[in-house]
PDB file of N, CA and C in Angstrom:
ATOM      1  N   MET A   1       1.873 -61.118  -1.312  1.00  0.00           N
ATOM      2  CA  MET A   1       3.245 -61.549  -1.449  1.00  0.00           C
ATOM      3  C   MET A   1       3.729 -61.381  -2.885  1.00  0.00           C
ATOM      4  N   LYS A   2       2.870 -61.649  -3.824  1.00  0.00           N
ATOM      5  CA  LYS A   2       3.229 -61.528  -5.234  1.00  0.00           C
ATOM      6  C   LYS A   2       3.626 -60.090  -5.566  1.00  0.00           C
ATOM      7  N   GLU A   3       2.881 -59.120  -5.038  1.00  0.00           N
ATOM      8  CA  GLU A   3       3.166 -57.704  -5.278  1.00  0.00           C
ATOM      9  C   GLU A   3       4.512 -57.305  -4.661  1.00  0.00           C
ATOM     10  N   THR A   4       4.812 -57.800  -3.493  1.00  0.00           N
ATOM     11  CA  THR A   4       6.086 -57.512  -2.837  1.00  0.00           C
ATOM     12  C   THR A   4       7.252 -58.023  -3.667  1.00  0.00           C
ATOM     13  N   ALA A   5       7.139 -59.210  -4.203  1.00  0.00           N
ATOM     14  CA  ALA A   5       8.197 -59.785  -5.037  1.00  0.00           C
ATOM     15  C   ALA A   5       8.404 -58.949  -6.299  1.00  0.00           C
ATOM     16  N   ARG A   6       7.322 -58.460  -6.889  1.00  0.00           N
ATOM     17  CA  ARG A   6       7.422 -57.624  -8.084  1.00  0.00           C
ATOM     18  C   ARG A   6       8.143 -56.315  -7.770  1.00  0.00           C
ATOM     19  N   VAL A   7       7.828 -55.699  -6.645  1.00  0.00           N
ATOM     20  CA  VAL A   7       8.484 -54.451  -6.246  1.00  0.00           C
ATOM     21  C   VAL A   7       9.969 -54.707  -6.008  1.00  0.00           C
ATOM     22  N   ARG A   8      10.313 -55.789  -5.337  1.00  0.00           N
ATOM     23  CA  ARG A   8      11.721 -56.116  -5.080  1.00  0.00           C
ATOM     24  C   ARG A   8      12.492 -56.318  -6.385  1.00  0.00           C
ATOM     25  N   ARG A   9      11.894 -57.009  -7.331  1.00  0.00           N
ATOM     26  CA  ARG A   9      12.558 -57.219  -8.623  1.00  0.00           C
ATOM     27  C   ARG A   9      12.804 -55.889  -9.330  1.00  0.00           C
ATOM     28  N   ARG A  10      11.805 -55.009  -9.312  1.00  0.00           N
ATOM     29  CA  ARG A  10      11.929 -53.708  -9.981  1.00  0.00           C
ATOM     30  C   ARG A  10      12.987 -52.834  -9.316  1.00  0.00           C
ATOM     31  N   LEU A  11      13.097 -52.917  -7.995  1.00  0.00           N
ATOM     32  CA  LEU A  11      14.123 -52.145  -7.296  1.00  0.00           C
ATOM     33  C   LEU A  11      15.524 -52.692  -7.565  1.00  0.00           C
ATOM     34  N   GLN A  12      15.618 -53.975  -7.812  1.00  0.00           N
ATOM     35  CA  GLN A  12      16.917 -54.599  -8.069  1.00  0.00           C
ATOM     36  C   GLN A  12      17.470 -54.226  -9.447  1.00  0.00           C
ATOM     37  N   LEU A  13      16.604 -53.954 -10.420  1.00  0.00           N
ATOM     38  CA  LEU A  13      17.059 -53.652 -11.783  1.00  0.00           C
ATOM     39  C   LEU A  13      18.075 -52.516 -11.844  1.00  0.00           C
ATOM     40  N   PRO A  14      17.809 -51.343 -11.266  1.00  0.00           N
ATOM     41  CA  PRO A  14      18.823 -50.287 -11.342  1.00  0.00           C
ATOM     42  C   PRO A  14      20.081 -50.616 -10.551  1.00  0.00           C
ATOM     43  N   LEU A  15      19.953 -51.348  -9.455  1.00  0.00           N
ATOM     44  CA  LEU A  15      21.128 -51.713  -8.673  1.00  0.00           C
ATOM     45  C   LEU A  15      22.075 -52.602  -9.466  1.00  0.00           C
ATOM     46  N   ASP A  16      21.528 -53.466 -10.300  1.00  0.00           N
ATOM     47  CA  ASP A  16      22.350 -54.355 -11.119  1.00  0.00           C
ATOM     48  C   ASP A  16      23.160 -53.583 -12.156  1.00  0.00           C
ATOM     49  N   ARG A  17      22.727 -52.361 -12.497  1.00  0.00           N
ATOM     50  CA  ARG A  17      23.426 -51.559 -13.508  1.00  0.00           C
ATOM     51  C   ARG A  17      24.580 -50.746 -12.938  1.00  0.00           C
ATOM     52  N   ILE A  18      24.663 -50.639 -11.621  1.00  0.00           N
ATOM     53  CA  ILE A  18      25.728 -49.864 -10.989  1.00  0.00           C
ATOM     54  C   ILE A  18      26.976 -50.727 -10.914  1.00  0.00           C
ATOM     55  N   PRO A  19      28.075 -50.261 -11.514  1.00  0.00           N
ATOM     56  CA  PRO A  19      29.309 -51.050 -11.455  1.00  0.00           C
ATOM     57  C   PRO A  19      29.808 -51.195 -10.017  1.00  0.00           C
ATOM     58  N   HIS A  20      30.240 -52.373  -9.666  1.00  0.00           N
ATOM     59  CA  HIS A  20      30.784 -52.603  -8.326  1.00  0.00           C
ATOM     60  C   HIS A  20      32.208 -52.062  -8.294  1.00  0.00           C
ATOM     61  N   GLN A  21      32.472 -51.154  -7.365  1.00  0.00           N
ATOM     62  CA  GLN A  21      33.761 -50.490  -7.261  1.00  0.00           C
ATOM     63  C   GLN A  21      34.328 -50.673  -5.855  1.00  0.00           C
ATOM     64  N   ALA A  22      35.599 -50.338  -5.727  1.00  0.00           N
ATOM     65  CA  ALA A  22      36.282 -50.505  -4.448  1.00  0.00           C
ATOM     66  C   ALA A  22      35.876 -49.459  -3.415  1.00  0.00           C
ATOM     67  N   SER A  23      35.490 -48.269  -3.861  1.00  0.00           N
ATOM     68  CA  SER A  23      35.148 -47.216  -2.904  1.00  0.00           C
ATOM     69  C   SER A  23      33.835 -46.549  -3.288  1.00  0.00           C
ATOM     70  N   ILE A  24      33.238 -45.879  -2.308  1.00  0.00           N
ATOM     71  CA  ILE A  24      31.959 -45.204  -2.550  1.00  0.00           C
ATOM     72  C   ILE A  24      32.118 -44.078  -3.571  1.00  0.00           C
ATOM     73  N   SER A  25      33.255 -43.395  -3.567  1.00  0.00           N
ATOM     74  CA  SER A  25      33.452 -42.296  -4.514  1.00  0.00           C
ATOM     75  C   SER A  25      33.657 -42.800  -5.943  1.00  0.00           C
ATOM     76  N   ASP A  26      33.975 -44.072  -6.130  1.00  0.00           N
ATOM     77  CA  ASP A  26      34.031 -44.645  -7.474  1.00  0.00           C
ATOM     78  C   ASP A  26      32.636 -45.028  -7.972  1.00  0.00           C
ATOM     79  N   MET A  27      31.718 -45.275  -7.040  1.00  0.00           N
ATOM     80  CA  MET A  27      30.365 -45.686  -7.405  1.00  0.00           C
ATOM     81  C   MET A  27      29.408 -44.511  -7.562  1.00  0.00           C
ATOM     82  N   MET A  28      29.670 -43.428  -6.804  1.00  0.00           N
ATOM     83  CA  MET A  28      28.744 -42.296  -6.787  1.00  0.00           C
ATOM     84  C   MET A  28      29.525 -40.995  -6.934  1.00  0.00           C
ATOM     85  N   SER A  29      28.811 -39.957  -7.373  1.00  0.00           N
ATOM     86  CA  SER A  29      29.396 -38.621  -7.479  1.00  0.00           C
ATOM     87  C   SER A  29      28.495 -37.618  -6.785  1.00  0.00           C
ATOM     88  N   GLY A  30      29.115 -36.663  -6.116  1.00  0.00           N
ATOM     89  CA  GLY A  30      28.371 -35.601  -5.472  1.00  0.00           C
ATOM     90  C   GLY A  30      27.822 -34.624  -6.487  1.00  0.00           C
ATOM     91  N   VAL A  31      26.747 -33.972  -6.138  1.00  0.00           N
ATOM     92  CA  VAL A  31      26.094 -32.987  -6.999  1.00  0.00           C
ATOM     93  C   VAL A  31      26.101 -31.661  -6.257  1.00  0.00           C
ATOM     94  N   GLU A  32      26.413 -30.591  -6.971  1.00  0.00           N
ATOM     95  CA  GLU A  32      26.456 -29.261  -6.363  1.00  0.00           C
ATOM     96  C   GLU A  32      25.146 -28.519  -6.593  1.00  0.00           C
ATOM     97  N   SER A  33      24.873 -27.574  -5.715  1.00  0.00           N
ATOM     98  CA  SER A  33      23.661 -26.764  -5.812  1.00  0.00           C
ATOM     99  C   SER A  33      23.813 -25.707  -6.903  1.00  0.00           C
ATOM    100  N   VAL A  34      22.704 -25.368  -7.529  1.00  0.00           N
ATOM    101  CA  VAL A  34      22.684 -24.274  -8.495  1.00  0.00           C
ATOM    102  C   VAL A  34      22.157 -22.995  -7.839  1.00  0.00           C
ATOM    103  N   ASN A  35      21.730 -23.087  -6.578  1.00  0.00           N
ATOM    104  CA  ASN A  35      21.203 -21.946  -5.845  1.00  0.00           C
ATOM    105  C   ASN A  35      22.276 -21.465  -4.872  1.00  0.00           C
ATOM    106  N   GLU A  36      22.668 -20.195  -4.965  1.00  0.00           N
ATOM    107  CA  GLU A  36      23.745 -19.674  -4.116  1.00  0.00           C
ATOM    108  C   GLU A  36      23.397 -19.682  -2.629  1.00  0.00           C
ATOM    109  N   LEU A  37      22.125 -19.757  -2.288  1.00  0.00           N
ATOM    110  CA  LEU A  37      21.720 -19.788  -0.884  1.00  0.00           C
ATOM    111  C   LEU A  37      21.827 -21.188  -0.275  1.00  0.00           C
ATOM    112  N   VAL A  38      21.874 -22.203  -1.110  1.00  0.00           N
ATOM    113  CA  VAL A  38      22.048 -23.583  -0.644  1.00  0.00           C
ATOM    114  C   VAL A  38      23.553 -23.846  -0.686  1.00  0.00           C
ATOM    115  N   ARG A  39      24.186 -23.764   0.479  1.00  0.00           N
ATOM    116  CA  ARG A  39      25.642 -23.727   0.583  1.00  0.00           C
ATOM    117  C   ARG A  39      26.262 -25.105   0.780  1.00  0.00           C
ATOM    118  N   PRO A  40      27.372 -25.363   0.066  1.00  0.00           N
ATOM    119  CA  PRO A  40      28.043 -26.659   0.233  1.00  0.00           C
ATOM    120  C   PRO A  40      28.680 -26.784   1.617  1.00  0.00           C
ATOM    121  N   VAL A  41      28.696 -28.007   2.124  1.00  0.00           N
ATOM    122  CA  VAL A  41      29.343 -28.337   3.386  1.00  0.00           C
ATOM    123  C   VAL A  41      30.517 -29.239   3.050  1.00  0.00           C
ATOM    124  N   GLU A  42      31.699 -28.863   3.503  1.00  0.00           N
ATOM    125  CA  GLU A  42      32.881 -29.692   3.268  1.00  0.00           C
ATOM    126  C   GLU A  42      32.826 -30.927   4.158  1.00  0.00           C
ATOM    127  N   HIS A  43      33.113 -32.088   3.561  1.00  0.00           N
ATOM    128  CA  HIS A  43      33.142 -33.330   4.331  1.00  0.00           C
ATOM    129  C   HIS A  43      34.036 -34.338   3.635  1.00  0.00           C
ATOM    130  N   GLU A  44      34.362 -35.378   4.335  1.00  0.00           N
ATOM    131  CA  GLU A  44      35.323 -36.374   3.877  1.00  0.00           C
ATOM    132  C   GLU A  44      34.934 -37.067   2.565  1.00  0.00           C
ATOM    133  N   ASN A  45      33.644 -37.291   2.344  1.00  0.00           N
ATOM    134  CA  ASN A  45      33.189 -38.014   1.152  1.00  0.00           C
ATOM    135  C   ASN A  45      32.524 -37.100   0.119  1.00  0.00           C
ATOM    136  N   SER A  46      32.990 -35.857   0.018  1.00  0.00           N
ATOM    137  CA  SER A  46      32.342 -34.901  -0.895  1.00  0.00           C
ATOM    138  C   SER A  46      32.425 -35.310  -2.362  1.00  0.00           C
ATOM    139  N   ARG A  47      33.387 -36.147  -2.733  1.00  0.00           N
ATOM    140  CA  ARG A  47      33.416 -36.649  -4.115  1.00  0.00           C
ATOM    141  C   ARG A  47      32.252 -37.597  -4.381  1.00  0.00           C
ATOM    142  N   ALA A  48      31.802 -38.320  -3.357  1.00  0.00           N
ATOM    143  CA  ALA A  48      30.752 -39.322  -3.524  1.00  0.00           C
ATOM    144  C   ALA A  48      29.348 -38.741  -3.387  1.00  0.00           C
ATOM    145  N   PHE A  49      29.177 -37.783  -2.491  1.00  0.00           N
ATOM    146  CA  PHE A  49      27.853 -37.169  -2.336  1.00  0.00           C
ATOM    147  C   PHE A  49      28.009 -35.773  -1.758  1.00  0.00           C
ATOM    148  N   GLY A  50      27.186 -34.874  -2.259  1.00  0.00           N
ATOM    149  CA  GLY A  50      27.210 -33.505  -1.775  1.00  0.00           C
ATOM    150  C   GLY A  50      26.313 -33.352  -0.569  1.00  0.00           C
ATOM    151  N   ILE A  51      26.741 -32.508   0.358  1.00  0.00           N
ATOM    152  CA  ILE A  51      25.897 -32.105   1.479  1.00  0.00           C
ATOM    153  C   ILE A  51      25.841 -30.590   1.435  1.00  0.00           C
ATOM    154  N   MET A  52      24.633 -30.063   1.532  1.00  0.00           N
ATOM    155  CA  MET A  52      24.442 -28.626   1.447  1.00  0.00           C
ATOM    156  C   MET A  52      23.541 -28.145   2.573  1.00  0.00           C
ATOM    157  N   ALA A  53      23.887 -26.991   3.138  1.00  0.00           N
ATOM    158  CA  ALA A  53      23.057 -26.364   4.162  1.00  0.00           C
ATOM    159  C   ALA A  53      21.941 -25.599   3.460  1.00  0.00           C
ATOM    160  N   VAL A  54      20.720 -25.852   3.887  1.00  0.00           N
ATOM    161  CA  VAL A  54      19.536 -25.213   3.305  1.00  0.00           C
ATOM    162  C   VAL A  54      19.041 -24.149   4.283  1.00  0.00           C
ATOM    163  N   PRO A  55      18.821 -22.921   3.804  1.00  0.00           N
ATOM    164  CA  PRO A  55      18.267 -21.905   4.714  1.00  0.00           C
ATOM    165  C   PRO A  55      16.930 -22.365   5.288  1.00  0.00           C
ATOM    166  N   ASP A  56      16.742 -22.117   6.586  1.00  0.00           N
ATOM    167  CA  ASP A  56      15.492 -22.502   7.245  1.00  0.00           C
ATOM    168  C   ASP A  56      14.284 -21.929   6.512  1.00  0.00           C
ATOM    169  N   GLN A  57      14.437 -20.722   5.972  1.00  0.00           N
ATOM    170  CA  GLN A  57      13.324 -20.058   5.292  1.00  0.00           C
ATOM    171  C   GLN A  57      12.974 -20.706   3.943  1.00  0.00           C
ATOM    172  N   MET A  58      13.859 -21.528   3.398  1.00  0.00           N
ATOM    173  CA  MET A  58      13.622 -22.160   2.090  1.00  0.00           C
ATOM    174  C   MET A  58      13.135 -23.594   2.179  1.00  0.00           C
ATOM    175  N   VAL A  59      13.063 -24.156   3.368  1.00  0.00           N
ATOM    176  CA  VAL A  59      12.802 -25.582   3.501  1.00  0.00           C
ATOM    177  C   VAL A  59      11.490 -26.003   2.834  1.00  0.00           C
ATOM    178  N   ASP A  60      10.483 -25.143   2.832  1.00  0.00           N
ATOM    179  CA  ASP A  60       9.195 -25.502   2.221  1.00  0.00           C
ATOM    180  C   ASP A  60       9.324 -25.846   0.741  1.00  0.00           C
ATOM    181  N   THR A  61      10.279 -25.255   0.049  1.00  0.00           N
ATOM    182  CA  THR A  61      10.438 -25.555  -1.384  1.00  0.00           C
ATOM    183  C   THR A  61      10.980 -26.960  -1.612  1.00  0.00           C
ATOM    184  N   PHE A  62      11.575 -27.570  -0.578  1.00  0.00           N
ATOM    185  CA  PHE A  62      12.139 -28.906  -0.704  1.00  0.00           C
ATOM    186  C   PHE A  62      11.204 -29.998  -0.204  1.00  0.00           C
ATOM    187  N   LEU A  63      10.105 -29.622   0.409  1.00  0.00           N
ATOM    188  CA  LEU A  63       9.174 -30.622   0.921  1.00  0.00           C
ATOM    189  C   LEU A  63       8.339 -31.205  -0.208  1.00  0.00           C
ATOM    190  N   CYS A  64       7.972 -32.456  -0.084  1.00  0.00           N
ATOM    191  CA  CYS A  64       7.266 -33.188  -1.143  1.00  0.00           C
ATOM    192  C   CYS A  64       5.987 -32.500  -1.603  1.00  0.00           C
ATOM    193  N   GLN A  65       5.233 -31.908  -0.687  1.00  0.00           N
ATOM    194  CA  GLN A  65       3.952 -31.313  -1.049  1.00  0.00           C
ATOM    195  C   GLN A  65       4.101 -29.915  -1.644  1.00  0.00           C
ATOM    196  N   SER A  66       5.331 -29.376  -1.676  1.00  0.00           N
ATOM    197  CA  SER A  66       5.551 -28.016  -2.168  1.00  0.00           C
ATOM    198  C   SER A  66       5.412 -27.950  -3.682  1.00  0.00           C
ATOM    199  N   SER A  67       4.821 -26.858  -4.164  1.00  0.00           N
ATOM    200  CA  SER A  67       4.711 -26.683  -5.607  1.00  0.00           C
ATOM    201  C   SER A  67       5.378 -25.397  -6.078  1.00  0.00           C
ATOM    202  N   GLN A  68       5.423 -24.372  -5.230  1.00  0.00           N
ATOM    203  CA  GLN A  68       6.031 -23.102  -5.604  1.00  0.00           C
ATOM    204  C   GLN A  68       6.683 -22.465  -4.389  1.00  0.00           C
ATOM    205  N   PRO A  69       7.759 -21.697  -4.621  1.00  0.00           N
ATOM    206  CA  PRO A  69       8.352 -20.990  -3.492  1.00  0.00           C
ATOM    207  C   PRO A  69       7.422 -19.886  -2.991  1.00  0.00           C
ATOM    208  N   SER A  70       7.472 -19.616  -1.680  1.00  0.00           N
ATOM    209  CA  SER A  70       6.652 -18.547  -1.112  1.00  0.00           C
ATOM    210  C   SER A  70       7.299 -17.194  -1.390  1.00  0.00           C
ATOM    211  N   LYS A  71       6.563 -16.131  -1.165  1.00  0.00           N
ATOM    212  CA  LYS A  71       7.076 -14.775  -1.368  1.00  0.00           C
ATOM    213  C   LYS A  71       8.305 -14.536  -0.494  1.00  0.00           C
ATOM    214  N   THR A  72       8.294 -15.035   0.745  1.00  0.00           N
ATOM    215  CA  THR A  72       9.431 -14.885   1.650  1.00  0.00           C
ATOM    216  C   THR A  72      10.685 -15.503   1.058  1.00  0.00           C
ATOM    217  N   GLU A  73      10.542 -16.681   0.482  1.00  0.00           N
ATOM    218  CA  GLU A  73      11.684 -17.371  -0.100  1.00  0.00           C
ATOM    219  C   GLU A  73      12.201 -16.644  -1.326  1.00  0.00           C
ATOM    220  N   LEU A  74      11.318 -16.074  -2.135  1.00  0.00           N
ATOM    221  CA  LEU A  74      11.733 -15.356  -3.334  1.00  0.00           C
ATOM    222  C   LEU A  74      12.504 -14.090  -2.986  1.00  0.00           C
ATOM    223  N   ASP A  75      12.185 -13.461  -1.859  1.00  0.00           N
ATOM    224  CA  ASP A  75      12.838 -12.225  -1.430  1.00  0.00           C
ATOM    225  C   ASP A  75      14.043 -12.474  -0.527  1.00  0.00           C
ATOM    226  N   LEU A  76      14.377 -13.709  -0.250  1.00  0.00           N
ATOM    227  CA  LEU A  76      15.443 -14.045   0.680  1.00  0.00           C
ATOM    228  C   LEU A  76      16.804 -13.670   0.104  1.00  0.00           C
ATOM    229  N   GLY A  77      17.567 -12.915   0.856  1.00  0.00           N
ATOM    230  CA  GLY A  77      18.926 -12.545   0.463  1.00  0.00           C
ATOM    231  C   GLY A  77      19.938 -13.289   1.306  1.00  0.00           C
ATOM    232  N   PRO A  78      21.197 -13.324   0.861  1.00  0.00           N
ATOM    233  CA  PRO A  78      22.241 -14.051   1.592  1.00  0.00           C
ATOM    234  C   PRO A  78      22.399 -13.617   3.044  1.00  0.00           C
ATOM    235  N   THR A  79      22.223 -12.346   3.337  1.00  0.00           N
ATOM    236  CA  THR A  79      22.395 -11.878   4.719  1.00  0.00           C
ATOM    237  C   THR A  79      21.200 -12.230   5.609  1.00  0.00           C
ATOM    238  N   ASP A  80      20.051 -12.530   5.003  1.00  0.00           N
ATOM    239  CA  ASP A  80      18.847 -12.870   5.764  1.00  0.00           C
ATOM    240  C   ASP A  80      18.716 -14.368   6.034  1.00  0.00           C
ATOM    241  N   ALA A  81      19.470 -15.184   5.319  1.00  0.00           N
ATOM    242  CA  ALA A  81      19.333 -16.644   5.432  1.00  0.00           C
ATOM    243  C   ALA A  81      19.814 -17.137   6.789  1.00  0.00           C
ATOM    244  N   LYS A  82      19.035 -18.017   7.401  1.00  0.00           N
ATOM    245  CA  LYS A  82      19.371 -18.658   8.677  1.00  0.00           C
ATOM    246  C   LYS A  82      19.610 -20.140   8.404  1.00  0.00           C
ATOM    247  N   TYR A  83      20.745 -20.656   8.873  1.00  0.00           N
ATOM    248  CA  TYR A  83      21.140 -22.033   8.604  1.00  0.00           C
ATOM    249  C   TYR A  83      21.245 -22.844   9.898  1.00  0.00           C
ATOM    250  N   GLY A  84      21.252 -24.167   9.748  1.00  0.00           N
ATOM    251  CA  GLY A  84      21.523 -25.045  10.873  1.00  0.00           C
ATOM    252  C   GLY A  84      20.484 -26.104  11.144  1.00  0.00           C
ATOM    253  N   MET A  85      19.292 -25.956  10.599  1.00  0.00           N
ATOM    254  CA  MET A  85      18.230 -26.923  10.873  1.00  0.00           C
ATOM    255  C   MET A  85      18.073 -27.979   9.775  1.00  0.00           C
ATOM    256  N   TYR A  86      18.456 -27.643   8.530  1.00  0.00           N
ATOM    257  CA  TYR A  86      18.167 -28.523   7.395  1.00  0.00           C
ATOM    258  C   TYR A  86      19.394 -28.678   6.500  1.00  0.00           C
ATOM    259  N   TYR A  87      19.584 -29.909   6.033  1.00  0.00           N
ATOM    260  CA  TYR A  87      20.688 -30.212   5.122  1.00  0.00           C
ATOM    261  C   TYR A  87      20.165 -31.074   3.987  1.00  0.00           C
ATOM    262  N   LEU A  88      20.747 -30.870   2.827  1.00  0.00           N
ATOM    263  CA  LEU A  88      20.360 -31.606   1.630  1.00  0.00           C
ATOM    264  C   LEU A  88      21.542 -32.450   1.191  1.00  0.00           C
ATOM    265  N   SER A  89      21.319 -33.734   0.970  1.00  0.00           N
ATOM    266  CA  SER A  89      22.367 -34.565   0.368  1.00  0.00           C
ATOM    267  C   SER A  89      21.962 -34.826  -1.075  1.00  0.00           C
ATOM    268  N   ALA A  90      22.963 -34.870  -1.952  1.00  0.00           N
ATOM    269  CA  ALA A  90      22.689 -35.040  -3.380  1.00  0.00           C
ATOM    270  C   ALA A  90      23.780 -35.895  -4.012  1.00  0.00           C
ATOM    271  N   ASN A  91      23.354 -36.901  -4.780  1.00  0.00           N
ATOM    272  CA  ASN A  91      24.339 -37.722  -5.477  1.00  0.00           C
ATOM    273  C   ASN A  91      23.751 -38.359  -6.736  1.00  0.00           C
ATOM    274  N   GLN A  92      24.669 -38.787  -7.592  1.00  0.00           N
ATOM    275  CA  GLN A  92      24.339 -39.560  -8.784  1.00  0.00           C
ATOM    276  C   GLN A  92      25.199 -40.824  -8.756  1.00  0.00           C
ATOM    277  N   PHE A  93      24.678 -41.910  -9.303  1.00  0.00           N
ATOM    278  CA  PHE A  93      25.486 -43.115  -9.458  1.00  0.00           C
ATOM    279  C   PHE A  93      26.311 -42.987 -10.726  1.00  0.00           C
ATOM    280  N   ASN A  94      27.522 -43.519 -10.694  1.00  0.00           N
ATOM    281  CA  ASN A  94      28.414 -43.479 -11.856  1.00  0.00           C
ATOM    282  C   ASN A  94      28.114 -44.670 -12.758  1.00  0.00           C
ATOM    283  N   LEU A  95      27.167 -44.475 -13.673  1.00  0.00           N
ATOM    284  CA  LEU A  95      26.808 -45.530 -14.617  1.00  0.00           C
ATOM    285  C   LEU A  95      27.761 -45.466 -15.805  1.00  0.00           C
ATOM    286  N   GLU A  96      28.036 -46.602 -16.398  1.00  0.00           N
ATOM    287  CA  GLU A  96      28.988 -46.643 -17.503  1.00  0.00           C
ATOM    288  C   GLU A  96      28.439 -46.049 -18.790  1.00  0.00           C
ATOM    289  N   ASP A  97      27.151 -46.235 -19.054  1.00  0.00           N
ATOM    290  CA  ASP A  97      26.635 -45.903 -20.376  1.00  0.00           C
ATOM    291  C   ASP A  97      25.685 -44.709 -20.426  1.00  0.00           C
ATOM    292  N   GLU A  98      25.352 -44.100 -19.295  1.00  0.00           N
ATOM    293  CA  GLU A  98      24.424 -42.978 -19.328  1.00  0.00           C
ATOM    294  C   GLU A  98      24.512 -42.171 -18.038  1.00  0.00           C
ATOM    295  N   GLU A  99      23.912 -40.978 -18.055  1.00  0.00           N
ATOM    296  CA  GLU A  99      23.866 -40.142 -16.867  1.00  0.00           C
ATOM    297  C   GLU A  99      22.791 -40.655 -15.921  1.00  0.00           C
ATOM    298  N   SER A 100      23.121 -40.712 -14.669  1.00  0.00           N
ATOM    299  CA  SER A 100      22.207 -41.192 -13.647  1.00  0.00           C
ATOM    300  C   SER A 100      21.237 -40.094 -13.231  1.00  0.00           C
ATOM    301  N   ALA A 101      20.104 -40.506 -12.706  1.00  0.00           N
ATOM    302  CA  ALA A 101      19.211 -39.562 -12.036  1.00  0.00           C
ATOM    303  C   ALA A 101      19.916 -39.067 -10.778  1.00  0.00           C
ATOM    304  N   THR A 102      19.482 -37.928 -10.270  1.00  0.00           N
ATOM    305  CA  THR A 102      20.043 -37.369  -9.041  1.00  0.00           C
ATOM    306  C   THR A 102      19.092 -37.658  -7.884  1.00  0.00           C
ATOM    307  N   LEU A 103      19.630 -38.180  -6.806  1.00  0.00           N
ATOM    308  CA  LEU A 103      18.847 -38.441  -5.601  1.00  0.00           C
ATOM    309  C   LEU A 103      19.102 -37.314  -4.612  1.00  0.00           C
ATOM    310  N   LEU A 104      18.044 -36.605  -4.234  1.00  0.00           N
ATOM    311  CA  LEU A 104      18.116 -35.516  -3.264  1.00  0.00           C
ATOM    312  C   LEU A 104      17.368 -35.934  -2.007  1.00  0.00           C
ATOM    313  N   LEU A 105      18.014 -35.818  -0.857  1.00  0.00           N
ATOM    314  CA  LEU A 105      17.396 -36.148   0.424  1.00  0.00           C
ATOM    315  C   LEU A 105      17.487 -34.933   1.331  1.00  0.00           C
ATOM    316  N   LEU A 106      16.371 -34.503   1.903  1.00  0.00           N
ATOM    317  CA  LEU A 106      16.344 -33.390   2.840  1.00  0.00           C
ATOM    318  C   LEU A 106      16.346 -33.958   4.260  1.00  0.00           C
ATOM    319  N   TRP A 107      17.324 -33.539   5.062  1.00  0.00           N
ATOM    320  CA  TRP A 107      17.533 -34.065   6.401  1.00  0.00           C
ATOM    321  C   TRP A 107      17.288 -32.987   7.455  1.00  0.00           C
ATOM    322  N   THR A 108      16.816 -33.405   8.623  1.00  0.00           N
ATOM    323  CA  THR A 108      16.750 -32.558   9.809  1.00  0.00           C
ATOM    324  C   THR A 108      16.965 -33.438  11.029  1.00  0.00           C
ATOM    325  N   LYS A 109      17.323 -32.814  12.121  1.00  0.00           N
ATOM    326  CA  LYS A 109      17.564 -33.572  13.348  1.00  0.00           C
ATOM    327  C   LYS A 109      16.309 -33.561  14.201  1.00  0.00           C
ATOM    328  N   GLU A 110      15.843 -34.758  14.570  1.00  0.00           N
ATOM    329  CA  GLU A 110      14.682 -34.921  15.440  1.00  0.00           C
ATOM    330  C   GLU A 110      15.044 -35.874  16.561  1.00  0.00           C
ATOM    331  N   LYS A 111      14.891 -35.422  17.799  1.00  0.00           N
ATOM    332  CA  LYS A 111      15.183 -36.257  18.968  1.00  0.00           C
ATOM    333  C   LYS A 111      16.585 -36.858  18.906  1.00  0.00           C
ATOM    334  N   ASN A 112      17.578 -36.042  18.621  1.00  0.00           N
ATOM    335  CA  ASN A 112      18.997 -36.435  18.584  1.00  0.00           C
ATOM    336  C   ASN A 112      19.348 -37.433  17.488  1.00  0.00           C
ATOM    337  N   ALA A 113      18.498 -37.571  16.463  1.00  0.00           N
ATOM    338  CA  ALA A 113      18.799 -38.459  15.343  1.00  0.00           C
ATOM    339  C   ALA A 113      18.482 -37.733  14.033  1.00  0.00           C
ATOM    340  N   TRP A 114      19.305 -37.959  13.025  1.00  0.00           N
ATOM    341  CA  TRP A 114      19.048 -37.362  11.715  1.00  0.00           C
ATOM    342  C   TRP A 114      17.982 -38.162  10.996  1.00  0.00           C
ATOM    343  N   LYS A 115      17.064 -37.448  10.354  1.00  0.00           N
ATOM    344  CA  LYS A 115      15.921 -38.084   9.702  1.00  0.00           C
ATOM    345  C   LYS A 115      15.697 -37.438   8.337  1.00  0.00           C
ATOM    346  N   VAL A 116      15.401 -38.261   7.331  1.00  0.00           N
ATOM    347  CA  VAL A 116      15.030 -37.751   6.015  1.00  0.00           C
ATOM    348  C   VAL A 116      13.564 -37.343   6.085  1.00  0.00           C
ATOM    349  N   ILE A 117      13.283 -36.081   5.748  1.00  0.00           N
ATOM    350  CA  ILE A 117      11.901 -35.597   5.807  1.00  0.00           C
ATOM    351  C   ILE A 117      11.302 -35.380   4.426  1.00  0.00           C
ATOM    352  N   SER A 118      12.144 -35.443   3.391  1.00  0.00           N
ATOM    353  CA  SER A 118      11.648 -35.302   2.028  1.00  0.00           C
ATOM    354  C   SER A 118      12.705 -35.840   1.076  1.00  0.00           C
ATOM    355  N   TRP A 119      12.265 -36.312  -0.073  1.00  0.00           N
ATOM    356  CA  TRP A 119      13.215 -36.795  -1.081  1.00  0.00           C
ATOM    357  C   TRP A 119      12.691 -36.489  -2.463  1.00  0.00           C
ATOM    358  N   LEU A 120      13.610 -36.477  -3.416  1.00  0.00           N
ATOM    359  CA  LEU A 120      13.262 -36.201  -4.803  1.00  0.00           C
ATOM    360  C   LEU A 120      14.270 -36.902  -5.700  1.00  0.00           C
ATOM    361  N   VAL A 121      13.798 -37.476  -6.785  1.00  0.00           N
ATOM    362  CA  VAL A 121      14.670 -38.037  -7.811  1.00  0.00           C
ATOM    363  C   VAL A 121      14.516 -37.167  -9.042  1.00  0.00           C
ATOM    364  N   GLU A 122      15.602 -36.506  -9.440  1.00  0.00           N
ATOM    365  CA  GLU A 122      15.595 -35.675 -10.644  1.00  0.00           C
ATOM    366  C   GLU A 122      16.164 -36.495 -11.799  1.00  0.00           C
ATOM    367  N   VAL A 123      15.362 -36.675 -12.821  1.00  0.00           N
ATOM    368  CA  VAL A 123      15.760 -37.467 -13.982  1.00  0.00           C
ATOM    369  C   VAL A 123      16.418 -36.544 -14.999  1.00  0.00           C
ATOM    370  N   PRO A 124      17.577 -36.955 -15.565  1.00  0.00           N
ATOM    371  CA  PRO A 124      18.271 -36.087 -16.536  1.00  0.00           C
ATOM    372  C   PRO A 124      17.452 -35.847 -17.802  1.00  0.00           C
TER     373      PRO A 124
END
């Protein structure tokens, strides 16, 4: 129980630093991809968080156990990319005094429900 309380306290620290705002887009900002093959998806809350379509052939580079892109992924061209199975959400919190880390979540649909299959926190 003591360990659980310590983890909860540590998780609360960054939440306390996020300014409370009236809307989600005031609290968070979307992040765009730097890879032309990871394509943005237009949606209602794009100011608050980015959603990007990930080519099926590139998904291994986003998985937690991945360390390097495969030869197939390195040779992938825009006309060869197949989309529809995987999406990446990306956002930063709007902190007053510093740049936030970026939270990346890789999503896929399993049994008619969306599920996060990998995540990454990129520190500025």
